[in-house]
Amino acid sequence: MSAFLPEDLIQEILFKLPIKSLVRPSPAYYVNFLGKSVNGVKLNISKTDLAIEKDGGGGCVIDCGALATLLVKPSFDTVHTALADQKTEETHHSQVE
């Protein structure tokens, strides 16, 4: 059971995801990652920053069993800024209340 989604929904999503094959063998599964959002706001991240290159490089790695998610620098910077802005906004609202 996932802490975020019901198991049957996870299985339905996984069944529908197109798996990418890469040049080099890998134990990971790859999907076309189309975008990211923070608190429901879609971030302006280039699809080329999210794409897996033909040689298997680029893109991002999301592993629910790992301690980190790997992103290329432009994507990381955008996500980092959005999360920092969100935290600042939450802090401001809690001080006003």
PDB file of N, CA and C in Angstrom:
ATOM      1  N   MET A   1       0.845  -1.193   0.000  1.00  0.00           N
ATOM      2  CA  MET A   1       0.000   0.000   0.000  1.00  0.00           C
ATOM      3  C   MET A   1       0.878   1.239   0.000  1.00  0.00           C
ATOM      4  N   SER A   2       0.629   2.121  -0.918  1.00  0.00           N
ATOM      5  CA  SER A   2       1.368   3.375  -1.004  1.00  0.00           C
ATOM      6  C   SER A   2       0.820   4.367   0.012  1.00  0.00           C
ATOM      7  N   ALA A   3       1.695   5.228   0.498  1.00  0.00           N
ATOM      8  CA  ALA A   3       1.260   6.271   1.428  1.00  0.00           C
ATOM      9  C   ALA A   3       0.491   7.367   0.697  1.00  0.00           C
ATOM     10  N   PHE A   4       0.554   7.356  -0.633  1.00  0.00           N
ATOM     11  CA  PHE A   4      -0.032   8.442  -1.406  1.00  0.00           C
ATOM     12  C   PHE A   4      -1.227   8.021  -2.255  1.00  0.00           C
ATOM     13  N   LEU A   5      -1.159   6.853  -2.877  1.00  0.00           N
ATOM     14  CA  LEU A   5      -2.217   6.409  -3.774  1.00  0.00           C
ATOM     15  C   LEU A   5      -2.652   4.992  -3.414  1.00  0.00           C
ATOM     16  N   PRO A   6      -3.927   4.670  -3.650  1.00  0.00           N
ATOM     17  CA  PRO A   6      -4.364   3.293  -3.428  1.00  0.00           C
ATOM     18  C   PRO A   6      -3.640   2.341  -4.388  1.00  0.00           C
ATOM     19  N   GLU A   7      -3.375   1.138  -3.930  1.00  0.00           N
ATOM     20  CA  GLU A   7      -2.616   0.160  -4.722  1.00  0.00           C
ATOM     21  C   GLU A   7      -3.257  -0.113  -6.079  1.00  0.00           C
ATOM     22  N   ASP A   8      -4.599  -0.216  -6.142  1.00  0.00           N
ATOM     23  CA  ASP A   8      -5.247  -0.503  -7.426  1.00  0.00           C
ATOM     24  C   ASP A   8      -5.051   0.633  -8.418  1.00  0.00           C
ATOM     25  N   LEU A   9      -5.019   1.871  -7.945  1.00  0.00           N
ATOM     26  CA  LEU A   9      -4.768   3.006  -8.833  1.00  0.00           C
ATOM     27  C   LEU A   9      -3.329   2.994  -9.329  1.00  0.00           C
ATOM     28  N   ILE A  10      -2.396   2.653  -8.459  1.00  0.00           N
ATOM     29  CA  ILE A  10      -0.989   2.549  -8.863  1.00  0.00           C
ATOM     30  C   ILE A  10      -0.845   1.495  -9.954  1.00  0.00           C
ATOM     31  N   GLN A  11      -1.473   0.337  -9.781  1.00  0.00           N
ATOM     32  CA  GLN A  11      -1.383  -0.731 -10.777  1.00  0.00           C
ATOM     33  C   GLN A  11      -1.985  -0.289 -12.107  1.00  0.00           C
ATOM     34  N   GLU A  12      -3.095   0.449 -12.059  1.00  0.00           N
ATOM     35  CA  GLU A  12      -3.721   0.944 -13.289  1.00  0.00           C
ATOM     36  C   GLU A  12      -2.797   1.924 -14.004  1.00  0.00           C
ATOM     37  N   ILE A  13      -2.169   2.819 -13.260  1.00  0.00           N
ATOM     38  CA  ILE A  13      -1.239   3.784 -13.848  1.00  0.00           C
ATOM     39  C   ILE A  13      -0.046   3.054 -14.454  1.00  0.00           C
ATOM     40  N   LEU A  14       0.534   2.122 -13.710  1.00  0.00           N
ATOM     41  CA  LEU A  14       1.693   1.385 -14.208  1.00  0.00           C
ATOM     42  C   LEU A  14       1.353   0.588 -15.456  1.00  0.00           C
ATOM     43  N   PHE A  15       0.157   0.039 -15.520  1.00  0.00           N
ATOM     44  CA  PHE A  15      -0.254  -0.737 -16.680  1.00  0.00           C
ATOM     45  C   PHE A  15      -0.323   0.138 -17.929  1.00  0.00           C
ATOM     46  N   LYS A  16      -0.704   1.393 -17.779  1.00  0.00           N
ATOM     47  CA  LYS A  16      -0.892   2.293 -18.916  1.00  0.00           C
ATOM     48  C   LYS A  16       0.374   3.034 -19.323  1.00  0.00           C
ATOM     49  N   LEU A  17       1.408   3.030 -18.479  1.00  0.00           N
ATOM     50  CA  LEU A  17       2.616   3.789 -18.784  1.00  0.00           C
ATOM     51  C   LEU A  17       3.437   3.107 -19.869  1.00  0.00           C
ATOM     52  N   PRO A  18       3.797   3.862 -20.934  1.00  0.00           N
ATOM     53  CA  PRO A  18       4.677   3.272 -21.944  1.00  0.00           C
ATOM     54  C   PRO A  18       6.110   3.235 -21.413  1.00  0.00           C
ATOM     55  N   ILE A  19       6.701   2.059 -21.388  1.00  0.00           N
ATOM     56  CA  ILE A  19       8.063   1.902 -20.881  1.00  0.00           C
ATOM     57  C   ILE A  19       9.048   2.160 -22.009  1.00  0.00           C
ATOM     58  N   LYS A  20      10.055   2.954 -21.722  1.00  0.00           N
ATOM     59  CA  LYS A  20      11.088   3.276 -22.705  1.00  0.00           C
ATOM     60  C   LYS A  20      12.187   2.223 -22.642  1.00  0.00           C
ATOM     61  N   SER A  21      12.753   1.904 -23.795  1.00  0.00           N
ATOM     62  CA  SER A  21      13.938   1.055 -23.797  1.00  0.00           C
ATOM     63  C   SER A  21      15.139   1.931 -24.104  1.00  0.00           C
ATOM     64  N   LEU A  22      16.251   1.620 -23.496  1.00  0.00           N
ATOM     65  CA  LEU A  22      17.445   2.436 -23.623  1.00  0.00           C
ATOM     66  C   LEU A  22      18.544   1.678 -24.333  1.00  0.00           C
ATOM     67  N   VAL A  23      19.589   2.426 -24.708  1.00  0.00           N
ATOM     68  CA  VAL A  23      20.748   1.833 -25.358  1.00  0.00           C
ATOM     69  C   VAL A  23      21.466   0.898 -24.397  1.00  0.00           C
ATOM     70  N   ARG A  24      21.711   1.359 -23.177  1.00  0.00           N
ATOM     71  CA  ARG A  24      22.436   0.532 -22.205  1.00  0.00           C
ATOM     72  C   ARG A  24      21.444  -0.169 -21.273  1.00  0.00           C
ATOM     73  N   PRO A  25      21.766  -1.376 -20.848  1.00  0.00           N
ATOM     74  CA  PRO A  25      20.877  -2.087 -19.916  1.00  0.00           C
ATOM     75  C   PRO A  25      20.761  -1.329 -18.591  1.00  0.00           C
ATOM     76  N   SER A  26      19.598  -1.409 -17.978  1.00  0.00           N
ATOM     77  CA  SER A  26      19.376  -0.709 -16.716  1.00  0.00           C
ATOM     78  C   SER A  26      18.312  -1.449 -15.913  1.00  0.00           C
ATOM     79  N   PRO A  27      18.455  -1.475 -14.586  1.00  0.00           N
ATOM     80  CA  PRO A  27      17.416  -2.089 -13.762  1.00  0.00           C
ATOM     81  C   PRO A  27      16.210  -1.170 -13.580  1.00  0.00           C
ATOM     82  N   ALA A  28      16.320   0.079 -14.019  1.00  0.00           N
ATOM     83  CA  ALA A  28      15.250   1.060 -13.831  1.00  0.00           C
ATOM     84  C   ALA A  28      14.254   1.010 -14.991  1.00  0.00           C
ATOM     85  N   TYR A  29      13.051   1.480 -14.729  1.00  0.00           N
ATOM     86  CA  TYR A  29      12.038   1.652 -15.762  1.00  0.00           C
ATOM     87  C   TYR A  29      12.037   3.117 -16.157  1.00  0.00           C
ATOM     88  N   TYR A  30      11.850   3.383 -17.437  1.00  0.00           N
ATOM     89  CA  TYR A  30      11.855   4.755 -17.927  1.00  0.00           C
ATOM     90  C   TYR A  30      10.519   5.065 -18.579  1.00  0.00           C
ATOM     91  N   VAL A  31       9.999   6.241 -18.315  1.00  0.00           N
ATOM     92  CA  VAL A  31       8.754   6.701 -18.927  1.00  0.00           C
ATOM     93  C   VAL A  31       8.984   8.109 -19.461  1.00  0.00           C
ATOM     94  N   ASN A  32       8.110   8.544 -20.363  1.00  0.00           N
ATOM     95  CA  ASN A  32       8.181   9.928 -20.829  1.00  0.00           C
ATOM     96  C   ASN A  32       7.622  10.813 -19.723  1.00  0.00           C
ATOM     97  N   PHE A  33       8.466  11.630 -19.153  1.00  0.00           N
ATOM     98  CA  PHE A  33       8.082  12.529 -18.072  1.00  0.00           C
ATOM     99  C   PHE A  33       7.704  13.856 -18.713  1.00  0.00           C
ATOM    100  N   LEU A  34       6.452  14.276 -18.590  1.00  0.00           N
ATOM    101  CA  LEU A  34       5.956  15.422 -19.343  1.00  0.00           C
ATOM    102  C   LEU A  34       5.986  16.736 -18.589  1.00  0.00           C
ATOM    103  N   GLY A  35       6.082  16.733 -17.289  1.00  0.00           N
ATOM    104  CA  GLY A  35       6.085  17.990 -16.560  1.00  0.00           C
ATOM    105  C   GLY A  35       6.079  17.775 -15.064  1.00  0.00           C
ATOM    106  N   LYS A  36       6.233  18.877 -14.368  1.00  0.00           N
ATOM    107  CA  LYS A  36       6.225  18.863 -12.906  1.00  0.00           C
ATOM    108  C   LYS A  36       5.357  20.022 -12.439  1.00  0.00           C
ATOM    109  N   SER A  37       4.775  19.864 -11.268  1.00  0.00           N
ATOM    110  CA  SER A  37       4.052  20.969 -10.656  1.00  0.00           C
ATOM    111  C   SER A  37       4.312  20.969  -9.159  1.00  0.00           C
ATOM    112  N   VAL A  38       4.209  22.143  -8.576  1.00  0.00           N
ATOM    113  CA  VAL A  38       4.365  22.316  -7.139  1.00  0.00           C
ATOM    114  C   VAL A  38       3.082  22.950  -6.634  1.00  0.00           C
ATOM    115  N   ASN A  39       2.428  22.267  -5.708  1.00  0.00           N
ATOM    116  CA  ASN A  39       1.174  22.745  -5.128  1.00  0.00           C
ATOM    117  C   ASN A  39       0.136  23.061  -6.212  1.00  0.00           C
ATOM    118  N   GLY A  40       0.093  22.213  -7.246  1.00  0.00           N
ATOM    119  CA  GLY A  40      -0.890  22.368  -8.310  1.00  0.00           C
ATOM    120  C   GLY A  40      -0.524  23.359  -9.396  1.00  0.00           C
ATOM    121  N   VAL A  41       0.618  24.019  -9.281  1.00  0.00           N
ATOM    122  CA  VAL A  41       1.051  24.990 -10.293  1.00  0.00           C
ATOM    123  C   VAL A  41       2.097  24.329 -11.182  1.00  0.00           C
ATOM    124  N   LYS A  42       1.776  24.221 -12.489  1.00  0.00           N
ATOM    125  CA  LYS A  42       2.705  23.587 -13.422  1.00  0.00           C
ATOM    126  C   LYS A  42       3.936  24.472 -13.594  1.00  0.00           C
ATOM    127  N   LEU A  43       5.104  23.846 -13.509  1.00  0.00           N
ATOM    128  CA  LEU A  43       6.364  24.575 -13.633  1.00  0.00           C
ATOM    129  C   LEU A  43       6.770  24.676 -15.097  1.00  0.00           C
ATOM    130  N   ASN A  44       7.453  25.750 -15.423  1.00  0.00           N
ATOM    131  CA  ASN A  44       7.919  25.982 -16.787  1.00  0.00           C
ATOM    132  C   ASN A  44       9.252  25.262 -16.984  1.00  0.00           C
ATOM    133  N   ILE A  45       9.165  23.989 -17.356  1.00  0.00           N
ATOM    134  CA  ILE A  45      10.359  23.180 -17.582  1.00  0.00           C
ATOM    135  C   ILE A  45      10.305  22.656 -19.005  1.00  0.00           C
ATOM    136  N   SER A  46      11.394  22.841 -19.721  1.00  0.00           N
ATOM    137  CA  SER A  46      11.478  22.416 -21.111  1.00  0.00           C
ATOM    138  C   SER A  46      11.348  20.901 -21.229  1.00  0.00           C
ATOM    139  N   LYS A  47      10.591  20.443 -22.227  1.00  0.00           N
ATOM    140  CA  LYS A  47      10.461  19.002 -22.454  1.00  0.00           C
ATOM    141  C   LYS A  47      11.805  18.380 -22.809  1.00  0.00           C
ATOM    142  N   THR A  48      12.701  19.164 -23.395  1.00  0.00           N
ATOM    143  CA  THR A  48      14.029  18.619 -23.712  1.00  0.00           C
ATOM    144  C   THR A  48      14.821  18.360 -22.438  1.00  0.00           C
ATOM    145  N   ASP A  49      14.567  19.130 -21.379  1.00  0.00           N
ATOM    146  CA  ASP A  49      15.237  18.878 -20.096  1.00  0.00           C
ATOM    147  C   ASP A  49      14.720  17.601 -19.439  1.00  0.00           C
ATOM    148  N   LEU A  50      13.511  17.198 -19.783  1.00  0.00           N
ATOM    149  CA  LEU A  50      12.912  16.005 -19.198  1.00  0.00           C
ATOM    150  C   LEU A  50      13.160  14.750 -20.031  1.00  0.00           C
ATOM    151  N   ALA A  51      13.563  14.931 -21.282  1.00  0.00           N
ATOM    152  CA  ALA A  51      13.686  13.808 -22.215  1.00  0.00           C
ATOM    153  C   ALA A  51      14.930  12.964 -21.949  1.00  0.00           C
ATOM    154  N   ILE A  52      14.795  11.674 -22.179  1.00  0.00           N
ATOM    155  CA  ILE A  52      15.934  10.767 -22.118  1.00  0.00           C
ATOM    156  C   ILE A  52      16.606  10.806 -23.484  1.00  0.00           C
ATOM    157  N   GLU A  53      17.905  11.010 -23.485  1.00  0.00           N
ATOM    158  CA  GLU A  53      18.644  11.076 -24.741  1.00  0.00           C
ATOM    159  C   GLU A  53      18.843   9.678 -25.311  1.00  0.00           C
ATOM    160  N   LYS A  54      19.150   9.602 -26.608  1.00  0.00           N
ATOM    161  CA  LYS A  54      19.313   8.300 -27.272  1.00  0.00           C
ATOM    162  C   LYS A  54      20.397   7.443 -26.633  1.00  0.00           C
ATOM    163  N   ASP A  55      21.411   8.086 -26.048  1.00  0.00           N
ATOM    164  CA  ASP A  55      22.484   7.320 -25.400  1.00  0.00           C
ATOM    165  C   ASP A  55      22.131   6.920 -23.967  1.00  0.00           C
ATOM    166  N   GLY A  56      20.919   7.269 -23.523  1.00  0.00           N
ATOM    167  CA  GLY A  56      20.476   6.917 -22.178  1.00  0.00           C
ATOM    168  C   GLY A  56      20.734   7.992 -21.147  1.00  0.00           C
ATOM    169  N   GLY A  57      21.380   9.087 -21.530  1.00  0.00           N
ATOM    170  CA  GLY A  57      21.642  10.182 -20.600  1.00  0.00           C
ATOM    171  C   GLY A  57      20.466  11.140 -20.528  1.00  0.00           C
ATOM    172  N   GLY A  58      20.613  12.161 -19.692  1.00  0.00           N
ATOM    173  CA  GLY A  58      19.590  13.192 -19.576  1.00  0.00           C
ATOM    174  C   GLY A  58      18.372  12.723 -18.811  1.00  0.00           C
ATOM    175  N   GLY A  59      17.315  13.489 -18.941  1.00  0.00           N
ATOM    176  CA  GLY A  59      16.074  13.153 -18.267  1.00  0.00           C
ATOM    177  C   GLY A  59      16.178  13.297 -16.761  1.00  0.00           C
ATOM    178  N   CYS A  60      15.457  12.476 -16.057  1.00  0.00           N
ATOM    179  CA  CYS A  60      15.493  12.497 -14.601  1.00  0.00           C
ATOM    180  C   CYS A  60      15.266  11.086 -14.086  1.00  0.00           C
ATOM    181  N   VAL A  61      15.645  10.860 -12.862  1.00  0.00           N
ATOM    182  CA  VAL A  61      15.459   9.557 -12.231  1.00  0.00           C
ATOM    183  C   VAL A  61      14.572   9.761 -11.012  1.00  0.00           C
ATOM    184  N   ILE A  62      13.459   9.061 -10.992  1.00  0.00           N
ATOM    185  CA  ILE A  62      12.568   9.102  -9.838  1.00  0.00           C
ATOM    186  C   ILE A  62      12.474   7.672  -9.327  1.00  0.00           C
ATOM    187  N   ASP A  63      12.876   7.460  -8.103  1.00  0.00           N
ATOM    188  CA  ASP A  63      12.889   6.121  -7.521  1.00  0.00           C
ATOM    189  C   ASP A  63      12.279   6.217  -6.133  1.00  0.00           C
ATOM    190  N   CYS A  64      11.093   5.655  -5.972  1.00  0.00           N
ATOM    191  CA  CYS A  64      10.416   5.774  -4.679  1.00  0.00           C
ATOM    192  C   CYS A  64      11.161   5.042  -3.568  1.00  0.00           C
ATOM    193  N   GLY A  65      12.117   4.192  -3.914  1.00  0.00           N
ATOM    194  CA  GLY A  65      12.899   3.499  -2.905  1.00  0.00           C
ATOM    195  C   GLY A  65      14.212   4.187  -2.585  1.00  0.00           C
ATOM    196  N   ALA A  66      14.493   5.285  -3.262  1.00  0.00           N
ATOM    197  CA  ALA A  66      15.756   6.002  -3.069  1.00  0.00           C
ATOM    198  C   ALA A  66      15.534   7.244  -2.210  1.00  0.00           C
ATOM    199  N   LEU A  67      16.616   7.765  -1.703  1.00  0.00           N
ATOM    200  CA  LEU A  67      16.542   8.978  -0.885  1.00  0.00           C
ATOM    201  C   LEU A  67      16.488  10.246  -1.723  1.00  0.00           C
ATOM    202  N   ALA A  68      16.792  10.146  -3.020  1.00  0.00           N
ATOM    203  CA  ALA A  68      16.875  11.349  -3.843  1.00  0.00           C
ATOM    204  C   ALA A  68      16.223  11.129  -5.198  1.00  0.00           C
ATOM    205  N   THR A  69      15.785  12.224  -5.803  1.00  0.00           N
ATOM    206  CA  THR A  69      15.344  12.256  -7.188  1.00  0.00           C
ATOM    207  C   THR A  69      16.387  13.044  -7.949  1.00  0.00           C
ATOM    208  N   LEU A  70      16.845  12.514  -9.056  1.00  0.00           N
ATOM    209  CA  LEU A  70      17.884  13.181  -9.837  1.00  0.00           C
ATOM    210  C   LEU A  70      17.261  13.945 -10.990  1.00  0.00           C
ATOM    211  N   LEU A  71      17.631  15.203 -11.114  1.00  0.00           N
ATOM    212  CA  LEU A  71      17.145  16.064 -12.187  1.00  0.00           C
ATOM    213  C   LEU A  71      18.329  16.751 -12.848  1.00  0.00           C
ATOM    214  N   VAL A  72      18.178  17.075 -14.140  1.00  0.00           N
ATOM    215  CA  VAL A  72      19.207  17.899 -14.774  1.00  0.00           C
ATOM    216  C   VAL A  72      19.137  19.286 -14.142  1.00  0.00           C
ATOM    217  N   LYS A  73      20.238  20.018 -14.169  1.00  0.00           N
ATOM    218  CA  LYS A  73      20.367  21.285 -13.437  1.00  0.00           C
ATOM    219  C   LYS A  73      19.245  22.285 -13.728  1.00  0.00           C
ATOM    220  N   PRO A  74      18.892  22.547 -15.002  1.00  0.00           N
ATOM    221  CA  PRO A  74      17.811  23.528 -15.223  1.00  0.00           C
ATOM    222  C   PRO A  74      16.492  23.119 -14.559  1.00  0.00           C
ATOM    223  N   SER A  75      16.163  21.834 -14.606  1.00  0.00           N
ATOM    224  CA  SER A  75      14.937  21.355 -13.953  1.00  0.00           C
ATOM    225  C   SER A  75      15.049  21.478 -12.440  1.00  0.00           C
ATOM    226  N   PHE A  76      16.195  21.089 -11.896  1.00  0.00           N
ATOM    227  CA  PHE A  76      16.413  21.193 -10.453  1.00  0.00           C
ATOM    228  C   PHE A  76      16.244  22.635  -9.990  1.00  0.00           C
ATOM    229  N   ASP A  77      16.860  23.575 -10.705  1.00  0.00           N
ATOM    230  CA  ASP A  77      16.780  24.986 -10.310  1.00  0.00           C
ATOM    231  C   ASP A  77      15.336  25.474 -10.287  1.00  0.00           C
ATOM    232  N   THR A  78      14.547  25.080 -11.289  1.00  0.00           N
ATOM    233  CA  THR A  78      13.145  25.497 -11.352  1.00  0.00           C
ATOM    234  C   THR A  78      12.347  24.908 -10.190  1.00  0.00           C
ATOM    235  N   VAL A  79      12.538  23.622  -9.928  1.00  0.00           N
ATOM    236  CA  VAL A  79      11.829  22.970  -8.817  1.00  0.00           C
ATOM    237  C   VAL A  79      12.269  23.564  -7.479  1.00  0.00           C
ATOM    238  N   HIS A  80      13.562  23.774  -7.313  1.00  0.00           N
ATOM    239  CA  HIS A  80      14.093  24.343  -6.070  1.00  0.00           C
ATOM    240  C   HIS A  80      13.488  25.719  -5.803  1.00  0.00           C
ATOM    241  N   THR A  81      13.459  26.568  -6.817  1.00  0.00           N
ATOM    242  CA  THR A  81      12.893  27.914  -6.665  1.00  0.00           C
ATOM    243  C   THR A  81      11.412  27.837  -6.303  1.00  0.00           C
ATOM    244  N   ALA A  82      10.665  26.964  -6.976  1.00  0.00           N
ATOM    245  CA  ALA A  82       9.230  26.831  -6.696  1.00  0.00           C
ATOM    246  C   ALA A  82       8.988  26.355  -5.266  1.00  0.00           C
ATOM    247  N   LEU A  83       9.778  25.397  -4.807  1.00  0.00           N
ATOM    248  CA  LEU A  83       9.621  24.909  -3.433  1.00  0.00           C
ATOM    249  C   LEU A  83      10.006  25.974  -2.411  1.00  0.00           C
ATOM    250  N   ALA A  84      11.068  26.724  -2.694  1.00  0.00           N
ATOM    251  CA  ALA A  84      11.484  27.805  -1.791  1.00  0.00           C
ATOM    252  C   ALA A  84      10.409  28.884  -1.730  1.00  0.00           C
ATOM    253  N   ASP A  85       9.841  29.233  -2.893  1.00  0.00           N
ATOM    254  CA  ASP A  85       8.768  30.228  -2.928  1.00  0.00           C
ATOM    255  C   ASP A  85       7.552  29.736  -2.147  1.00  0.00           C
ATOM    256  N   GLN A  86       7.227  28.452  -2.293  1.00  0.00           N
ATOM    257  CA  GLN A  86       6.097  27.864  -1.575  1.00  0.00           C
ATOM    258  C   GLN A  86       6.331  27.939  -0.069  1.00  0.00           C
ATOM    259  N   LYS A  87       7.532  27.605   0.361  1.00  0.00           N
ATOM    260  CA  LYS A  87       7.865  27.652   1.789  1.00  0.00           C
ATOM    261  C   LYS A  87       7.776  29.082   2.317  1.00  0.00           C
ATOM    262  N   THR A  88       8.286  30.036   1.544  1.00  0.00           N
ATOM    263  CA  THR A  88       8.223  31.445   1.940  1.00  0.00           C
ATOM    264  C   THR A  88       6.773  31.893   2.075  1.00  0.00           C
ATOM    265  N   GLU A  89       5.939  31.490   1.115  1.00  0.00           N
ATOM    266  CA  GLU A  89       4.522  31.854   1.147  1.00  0.00           C
ATOM    267  C   GLU A  89       3.834  31.237   2.366  1.00  0.00           C
ATOM    268  N   GLU A  90       4.123  29.979   2.669  1.00  0.00           N
ATOM    269  CA  GLU A  90       3.527  29.324   3.841  1.00  0.00           C
ATOM    270  C   GLU A  90       3.966  30.009   5.130  1.00  0.00           C
ATOM    271  N   THR A  91       5.236  30.372   5.215  1.00  0.00           N
ATOM    272  CA  THR A  91       5.756  31.051   6.402  1.00  0.00           C
ATOM    273  C   THR A  91       5.082  32.406   6.573  1.00  0.00           C
ATOM    274  N   HIS A  92       4.921  33.139   5.467  1.00  0.00           N
ATOM    275  CA  HIS A  92       4.277  34.457   5.516  1.00  0.00           C
ATOM    276  C   HIS A  92       2.830  34.322   5.988  1.00  0.00           C
ATOM    277  N   HIS A  93       2.091  33.349   5.441  1.00  0.00           N
ATOM    278  CA  HIS A  93       0.691  33.160   5.835  1.00  0.00           C
ATOM    279  C   HIS A  93       0.571  32.774   7.304  1.00  0.00           C
ATOM    280  N   SER A  94       1.470  31.939   7.805  1.00  0.00           N
ATOM    281  CA  SER A  94       1.376  31.528   9.208  1.00  0.00           C
ATOM    282  C   SER A  94       1.699  32.689  10.150  1.00  0.00           C
ATOM    283  N   GLN A  95       2.540  33.624   9.710  1.00  0.00           N
ATOM    284  CA  GLN A  95       2.861  34.786  10.540  1.00  0.00           C
ATOM    285  C   GLN A  95       1.711  35.779  10.559  1.00  0.00           C
ATOM    286  N   VAL A  96       0.954  35.873   9.458  1.00  0.00           N
ATOM    287  CA  VAL A  96      -0.177  36.798   9.369  1.00  0.00           C
ATOM    288  C   VAL A  96      -1.333  36.298  10.225  1.00  0.00           C
ATOM    289  N   GLU A  97      -1.539  34.996  10.271  1.00  0.00           N
ATOM    290  CA  GLU A  97      -2.652  34.427  11.045  1.00  0.00           C
ATOM    291  C   GLU A  97      -2.327  34.553  12.497  1.00  0.00           C
TER     292      GLU A  97
END
